[in-house]
Protein backbone atom coordinates (compact mmCIF):
# COMPACT_ATOMS: atom_id res chain seq x y z
CA MET A 1 -20.00 94.64 -62.31
CA LYS A 2 -18.73 93.94 -65.84
CA LEU A 3 -19.08 90.43 -67.26
CA THR A 4 -17.68 91.14 -70.72
CA LEU A 5 -14.01 91.25 -71.62
CA SER A 6 -12.30 94.60 -72.04
CA GLN A 7 -10.36 95.36 -75.21
CA GLU A 8 -7.09 94.63 -73.39
CA GLN A 9 -8.42 91.28 -72.17
CA GLN A 10 -9.56 90.36 -75.67
CA GLN A 11 -6.06 91.13 -76.94
CA LEU A 12 -4.57 88.99 -74.17
CA ARG A 13 -6.90 86.14 -75.10
CA GLU A 14 -5.93 86.31 -78.77
CA SER A 15 -2.21 86.46 -77.95
CA VAL A 16 -2.34 83.40 -75.68
CA ARG A 17 -4.59 81.49 -78.07
CA SER A 18 -2.35 82.21 -81.04
CA PHE A 19 0.78 81.23 -79.15
CA LEU A 20 -0.65 77.93 -77.87
CA ARG A 21 -2.08 77.06 -81.28
CA THR A 22 1.44 76.98 -82.73
CA ALA A 23 3.63 76.13 -79.73
CA SER A 24 1.42 73.52 -78.03
CA PRO A 25 -1.18 72.09 -80.43
CA LEU A 26 -3.25 69.13 -79.27
CA PRO A 27 -1.09 66.45 -80.98
CA LYS A 28 1.89 67.74 -78.99
CA VAL A 29 -0.02 67.61 -75.71
CA ARG A 30 0.38 63.84 -75.66
CA GLN A 31 4.16 64.28 -75.38
CA GLY A 32 3.79 65.87 -71.97
CA TYR A 33 5.54 68.81 -70.35
CA ASP A 34 7.90 70.70 -72.65
CA ARG A 35 10.24 73.06 -70.82
CA ARG A 36 10.90 75.01 -74.02
CA VAL A 37 7.20 75.79 -74.44
CA TYR A 38 6.99 76.85 -70.80
CA ALA A 39 10.06 79.11 -71.22
CA ARG A 40 8.53 80.74 -74.28
CA LEU A 41 5.17 81.11 -72.55
CA ASN A 42 6.85 83.16 -69.87
CA GLY A 43 9.50 84.84 -71.99
CA GLU A 44 7.24 86.00 -74.81
CA LEU A 45 3.95 86.45 -72.94
CA GLY A 46 4.99 86.72 -69.31
CA LEU A 47 2.05 84.61 -68.18
CA SER A 48 3.64 83.22 -65.02
CA GLY A 49 4.10 86.76 -63.74
CA LEU A 50 0.66 87.98 -64.73
CA ILE A 51 -0.63 88.38 -61.16
CA VAL A 52 2.76 88.92 -59.54
CA PRO A 53 2.93 92.52 -58.20
CA GLU A 54 4.94 94.96 -60.28
CA GLU A 55 7.43 95.51 -57.47
CA TYR A 56 8.54 91.89 -57.94
CA GLY A 57 8.80 92.09 -61.72
CA GLY A 58 5.29 90.94 -62.59
CA ALA A 59 2.45 92.57 -64.47
CA GLY A 60 0.40 93.26 -61.34
CA ALA A 61 -2.78 92.14 -63.09
CA GLY A 62 -5.94 91.01 -61.36
CA LEU A 63 -7.70 87.67 -61.29
CA ALA A 64 -10.00 88.75 -64.13
CA ASP A 65 -6.97 88.98 -66.44
CA LEU A 66 -5.53 85.74 -65.11
CA ALA A 67 -8.87 84.02 -65.79
CA VAL A 68 -8.60 84.99 -69.46
CA ALA A 69 -5.18 83.34 -69.73
CA LEU A 70 -6.25 80.24 -67.81
CA GLU A 71 -9.25 79.79 -70.06
CA GLU A 72 -6.91 79.54 -73.04
CA THR A 73 -4.39 77.21 -71.36
CA GLY A 74 -7.33 75.03 -70.35
CA ALA A 75 -8.71 74.95 -73.88
CA ALA A 76 -5.29 73.91 -75.17
CA LEU A 77 -4.90 71.29 -72.39
CA LEU A 78 -1.47 72.79 -71.73
CA PRO A 79 0.69 70.16 -70.00
CA GLY A 80 3.06 70.95 -67.18
CA PRO A 81 3.17 73.10 -64.05
CA PHE A 82 1.51 76.31 -65.24
CA LEU A 83 -1.64 75.87 -63.13
CA ALA A 84 0.39 74.68 -60.13
CA THR A 85 2.70 77.69 -60.42
CA THR A 86 -0.32 79.96 -60.73
CA PHE A 87 -1.74 78.46 -57.53
CA ALA A 88 1.56 79.08 -55.76
CA ALA A 89 1.71 82.66 -57.08
CA ILE A 90 -1.82 83.32 -55.78
CA ALA A 91 -0.74 82.13 -52.33
CA LEU A 92 2.48 84.14 -52.45
CA THR A 93 0.59 87.35 -53.12
CA LYS A 94 -0.79 86.87 -49.58
CA VAL A 95 2.62 86.04 -48.06
CA PRO A 96 5.01 87.92 -50.39
CA ASP A 97 8.51 86.57 -50.87
CA LYS A 98 10.77 88.57 -53.16
CA GLU A 99 12.97 85.66 -54.23
CA LEU A 100 10.10 83.37 -55.18
CA LEU A 101 7.83 85.97 -56.76
CA THR A 102 10.68 87.41 -58.82
CA GLY A 103 11.73 83.94 -59.96
CA ILE A 104 8.18 83.03 -60.94
CA ALA A 105 7.70 86.31 -62.80
CA GLU A 106 10.92 85.74 -64.74
CA GLY A 107 10.02 82.15 -65.50
CA ARG A 108 13.08 80.80 -63.64
CA ILE A 109 11.07 79.07 -60.93
CA THR A 110 8.18 76.66 -61.24
CA ALA A 111 6.25 76.11 -58.03
CA THR A 112 3.37 74.18 -56.60
CA LEU A 113 1.05 74.61 -53.63
CA SER A 114 -0.28 72.16 -51.09
CA GLY A 115 -3.16 72.78 -48.72
CA GLU A 116 -2.15 69.91 -46.40
CA GLU A 117 -0.31 70.83 -43.23
CA ILE A 118 3.13 69.43 -42.55
CA ALA A 119 5.14 69.56 -39.33
CA GLY A 120 7.93 72.07 -38.95
CA ASP A 121 10.29 73.68 -36.47
CA GLY A 122 11.03 76.85 -38.42
CA ALA A 123 14.10 75.44 -40.12
CA THR A 124 13.05 71.99 -41.37
CA VAL A 125 9.81 70.19 -42.17
CA ARG A 126 8.57 66.63 -42.00
CA GLY A 127 5.54 64.92 -43.42
CA THR A 128 4.01 63.15 -46.40
CA LEU A 129 1.89 64.90 -49.00
CA ALA A 130 -0.11 62.23 -50.82
CA GLN A 131 -0.93 64.22 -53.97
CA VAL A 132 0.98 67.29 -55.07
CA LEU A 133 -0.04 68.85 -58.38
CA SER A 134 2.90 68.87 -60.82
CA GLY A 135 5.08 67.68 -57.96
CA MET A 136 7.67 66.12 -60.28
CA GLU A 137 8.09 69.24 -62.43
CA ALA A 138 7.96 71.98 -59.79
CA ASP A 139 11.12 73.45 -58.26
CA VAL A 140 9.56 74.76 -55.05
CA LEU A 141 6.73 73.64 -52.80
CA VAL A 142 4.71 76.22 -50.90
CA ALA A 143 2.76 74.70 -48.01
CA PRO A 144 1.42 75.39 -44.51
CA ALA A 145 3.51 74.00 -41.66
CA ARG A 146 2.47 73.69 -38.03
CA THR A 147 5.15 74.90 -35.67
CA ALA A 148 5.29 75.62 -31.95
CA GLY A 149 4.38 79.23 -32.71
CA GLY A 150 1.40 78.41 -34.94
CA VAL A 151 0.78 77.65 -38.61
CA VAL A 152 3.13 79.35 -41.05
CA MET A 153 3.65 79.17 -44.81
CA VAL A 154 6.96 77.65 -45.83
CA ALA A 155 8.89 77.14 -49.06
CA VAL A 156 10.73 73.86 -49.67
CA GLU A 157 13.19 73.12 -52.48
CA LEU A 158 11.83 69.92 -53.99
CA ALA A 159 15.20 68.90 -55.40
CA GLY A 160 16.90 69.54 -52.06
CA PRO A 161 17.97 67.16 -49.27
CA GLY A 162 15.37 65.38 -47.22
CA VAL A 163 12.79 65.34 -50.04
CA THR A 164 11.65 62.23 -51.90
CA ARG A 165 9.27 62.53 -54.84
CA THR A 166 7.37 59.65 -56.41
CA ALA A 167 5.36 60.11 -59.59
CA LEU A 168 1.74 58.94 -59.33
CA GLU A 169 -0.32 57.24 -62.00
CA THR A 170 -3.06 59.76 -62.70
CA LEU A 171 -6.20 59.88 -64.80
CA ASP A 172 -5.17 63.10 -66.54
CA LEU A 173 -2.39 62.21 -68.96
CA THR A 174 -1.55 65.87 -69.57
CA ARG A 175 -0.74 66.91 -66.00
CA GLY A 176 0.93 64.77 -63.38
CA GLN A 177 0.93 64.55 -59.62
CA ALA A 178 3.46 63.24 -57.14
CA GLN A 179 3.72 61.95 -53.61
CA VAL A 180 6.19 64.11 -51.71
CA VAL A 181 7.85 62.83 -48.54
CA MET A 182 9.86 65.28 -46.42
CA ASP A 183 12.14 64.07 -43.66
CA GLY A 184 14.01 66.98 -42.14
CA ALA A 185 13.93 68.94 -45.40
CA PRO A 186 15.26 72.51 -45.09
CA CYS A 187 12.58 75.17 -45.47
CA ARG A 188 12.20 78.93 -45.45
CA VAL A 189 9.39 80.51 -43.46
CA LEU A 190 7.40 82.96 -45.56
CA GLY A 191 5.03 84.26 -42.90
CA PRO A 192 1.88 83.36 -40.98
CA GLN A 193 -0.77 81.43 -42.89
CA PRO A 194 -3.46 83.85 -44.14
CA GLU A 195 -6.83 83.17 -42.57
CA THR A 196 -8.84 83.76 -45.74
CA GLY A 197 -8.53 84.57 -49.41
CA ILE A 198 -6.25 81.94 -50.89
CA GLY A 199 -8.70 79.06 -51.25
CA ASP A 200 -11.40 81.19 -52.84
CA ARG A 201 -8.99 82.57 -55.43
CA LEU A 202 -7.77 79.07 -56.23
CA CYS A 203 -11.38 78.02 -56.87
CA VAL A 204 -11.86 80.91 -59.28
CA ALA A 205 -8.60 80.19 -61.12
CA LEU A 206 -9.51 76.52 -61.54
CA ALA A 207 -13.01 77.44 -62.76
CA ALA A 208 -11.42 79.63 -65.43
CA GLU A 209 -9.41 76.67 -66.71
CA GLN A 210 -12.54 74.49 -66.65
CA LEU A 211 -14.36 77.11 -68.72
CA GLY A 212 -11.67 76.78 -71.38
CA VAL A 213 -11.93 72.98 -71.38
CA MET A 214 -15.70 73.28 -71.85
CA ARG A 215 -15.40 75.74 -74.71
CA ALA A 216 -12.82 73.68 -76.59
CA ALA A 217 -14.80 70.45 -76.15
CA LEU A 218 -18.00 72.08 -77.42
CA ASP A 219 -16.22 73.69 -80.38
CA ALA A 220 -14.73 70.31 -81.32
CA ILE A 221 -18.02 68.40 -81.31
CA VAL A 222 -19.88 71.18 -83.14
CA ALA A 223 -17.25 71.08 -85.89
CA TYR A 224 -17.51 67.28 -86.04
CA ALA A 225 -21.32 67.36 -86.22
CA LYS A 226 -21.04 69.51 -89.35
CA ILE A 227 -18.92 67.02 -91.27
CA ARG A 228 -19.87 63.55 -89.95
CA VAL A 229 -22.47 61.84 -92.11
CA ALA A 230 -24.65 58.99 -90.83
CA PHE A 231 -27.51 57.42 -92.78
CA GLY A 232 -27.07 60.01 -95.49
CA ARG A 233 -27.34 63.07 -93.22
CA TYR A 234 -24.96 65.20 -91.23
CA ILE A 235 -25.32 64.12 -87.61
CA GLY A 236 -25.80 67.76 -86.60
CA SER A 237 -29.14 67.73 -88.40
CA TYR A 238 -30.59 65.06 -86.10
CA GLN A 239 -32.86 66.44 -83.40
CA GLY A 240 -31.26 64.41 -80.62
CA VAL A 241 -27.82 65.77 -81.46
CA LYS A 242 -29.05 69.34 -81.88
CA HIS A 243 -30.79 69.30 -78.50
CA LYS A 244 -27.71 67.87 -76.79
CA LEU A 245 -25.48 70.52 -78.35
CA ALA A 246 -27.94 73.23 -77.28
CA ASP A 247 -27.86 71.92 -73.70
CA MET A 248 -24.05 71.95 -73.75
CA HIS A 249 -24.05 75.51 -75.06
CA CYS A 250 -26.39 76.64 -72.26
CA LYS A 251 -24.06 75.13 -69.66
CA LEU A 252 -21.14 76.95 -71.24
CA GLU A 253 -22.94 80.30 -71.22
CA GLN A 254 -23.91 79.92 -67.57
CA ALA A 255 -20.39 78.84 -66.64
CA GLU A 256 -18.88 81.87 -68.39
CA SER A 257 -21.12 84.27 -66.48
CA ILE A 258 -20.25 82.59 -63.19
CA VAL A 259 -16.51 82.68 -63.87
CA ARG A 260 -16.56 86.32 -64.98
CA TYR A 261 -18.54 87.25 -61.87
CA ALA A 262 -16.23 85.32 -59.54
CA ALA A 263 -13.11 86.87 -61.09
CA TRP A 264 -14.66 90.34 -60.78
CA ALA A 265 -15.51 89.68 -57.13
CA ALA A 266 -11.92 88.60 -56.44
CA ASP A 267 -10.64 91.92 -57.77
CA GLU A 268 -13.37 94.37 -56.82
CA SER A 269 -15.68 92.95 -54.13
CA PRO A 270 -13.91 90.74 -51.55
CA ALA A 271 -17.12 90.42 -49.53
CA GLU A 272 -18.80 88.63 -52.45
CA LEU A 273 -15.83 86.39 -53.23
CA PRO A 274 -16.56 83.45 -50.88
CA GLY A 275 -20.03 82.92 -52.33
CA ALA A 276 -18.87 83.50 -55.89
CA ALA A 277 -15.98 81.06 -55.51
CA ALA A 278 -18.21 78.38 -53.98
CA LEU A 279 -20.72 78.85 -56.79
CA ALA A 280 -17.96 78.60 -59.39
CA GLN A 281 -16.79 75.19 -58.20
CA ALA A 282 -20.27 73.94 -57.35
CA TYR A 283 -21.50 74.59 -60.89
CA VAL A 284 -18.57 74.90 -63.29
CA GLY A 285 -16.73 71.78 -62.16
CA ARG A 286 -19.68 69.49 -62.81
CA ALA A 287 -20.77 71.31 -65.95
CA CYS A 288 -17.27 71.01 -67.41
CA PHE A 289 -17.25 67.26 -66.87
CA GLU A 290 -20.74 66.85 -68.35
CA VAL A 291 -19.83 68.81 -71.48
CA ALA A 292 -16.58 66.84 -71.91
CA ARG A 293 -18.46 63.57 -71.37
CA ASP A 294 -21.18 64.38 -73.90
CA HIS A 295 -18.57 65.65 -76.36
CA LEU A 296 -16.91 62.24 -76.18
CA LEU A 297 -20.20 60.34 -76.51
CA LEU A 298 -21.39 62.36 -79.51
CA HIS A 299 -18.20 61.47 -81.36
CA GLY A 300 -19.46 57.90 -81.39
CA GLY A 301 -17.06 54.98 -81.59
CA ILE A 302 -14.12 57.11 -82.72
CA GLY A 303 -14.36 59.13 -79.52
CA PHE A 304 -13.56 56.06 -77.42
CA THR A 305 -10.26 55.34 -79.16
CA TRP A 306 -6.87 56.29 -77.72
CA GLU A 307 -6.01 57.98 -80.99
CA HIS A 308 -8.78 60.58 -80.61
CA ASP A 309 -8.40 63.70 -78.47
CA ALA A 310 -11.84 63.37 -76.85
CA HIS A 311 -10.59 61.29 -73.95
CA LEU A 312 -7.96 63.92 -73.13
CA PHE A 313 -10.67 66.52 -72.51
CA TYR A 314 -12.75 63.97 -70.59
CA LYS A 315 -9.88 63.12 -68.26
CA ARG A 316 -8.79 66.72 -67.71
CA ALA A 317 -12.40 67.64 -66.88
CA LYS A 318 -12.75 64.83 -64.35
CA ALA A 319 -9.38 65.56 -62.74
CA ASP A 320 -10.24 69.25 -62.46
CA GLU A 321 -13.70 68.50 -61.06
CA VAL A 322 -12.23 66.97 -57.90
CA LEU A 323 -8.99 68.97 -57.67
CA MET A 324 -10.41 71.42 -55.12
CA GLY A 325 -12.76 68.84 -53.66
CA PRO A 326 -15.93 67.36 -55.20
CA PRO A 327 -18.80 69.72 -56.12
CA ARG A 328 -20.89 68.61 -53.11
CA ILE A 329 -18.39 70.26 -50.76
CA HIS A 330 -18.76 73.59 -52.54
CA ARG A 331 -22.55 73.24 -52.68
CA ALA A 332 -22.60 72.73 -48.92
CA ARG A 333 -20.37 75.76 -48.39
CA LEU A 334 -22.54 77.87 -50.67
CA ALA A 335 -25.65 76.79 -48.80
CA GLU A 336 -23.98 77.73 -45.52
CA LEU A 337 -22.97 81.15 -46.84
CA LEU A 338 -26.55 81.73 -48.03
CA GLU A 339 -27.87 80.50 -44.67
CA LEU A 340 -30.02 77.85 -46.36
């Protein structure tokens, strides 16, 4: 097991970080999804095709490499459907579809994934999906559909007939969700629903983004503590602040080890993946929110204003914490896997 980044992964991290620093800085995040940034992200860096197999035009990388990229997009609070498309790509590696995987790898197709079952007959689908990540921006929905022959994975064109999308008011201002209603919408059957593997990999991918949110929030408050003066002293010199920052740093270090381990397990040790994925969401989700919360509180009054970026990290952290279900669900699953 290797928990440190390889030289190639360090280079990937620097490339993504440098790109996002110029193409999608925090002030621009408030403007929402920018298709031009997304096109450049895929055209110049090929991130959407990172885990797409080479035979479909992707890089054929593993989840450990993907985790490096997601950490940086999380730190930058990248708006838009990148995480949703990544989720769909993870699912499609289990039920390969040449058209979709090639389109994702080339950056032509944005996709999203739903874990809720809909009803289908092999040609059309019906049902209501209450919350679909990036449902307004995505081109294609990948979802399980129950048919007479069993549960299959289907692809639905979200701009096609029989589909109605309604944008939802969400806590996270940087990434939207939508209600999707399908009434006889045409679909394409991709194959039988995989019994295992997809959900665990989604948990690891989300934990990687949460790790990036944590790191960026901690970096921001440490920088602020070095310049903010209160009662004639830098606030970073006060014991209460120093201890809080130390606690936040410890949570970050533990989270990084957990994410690196889970990503390694996804690539190298499938038997360890279920426990590693459950641990990742049981710990990292809550830790990310706590770090983002304390980062906001330590900014003082300025951190509570709409003009400050602190609330953006706070809201992304909370939205991510419950995206794959609240931490208690993953704690219960981990306890079951450990036979506790």
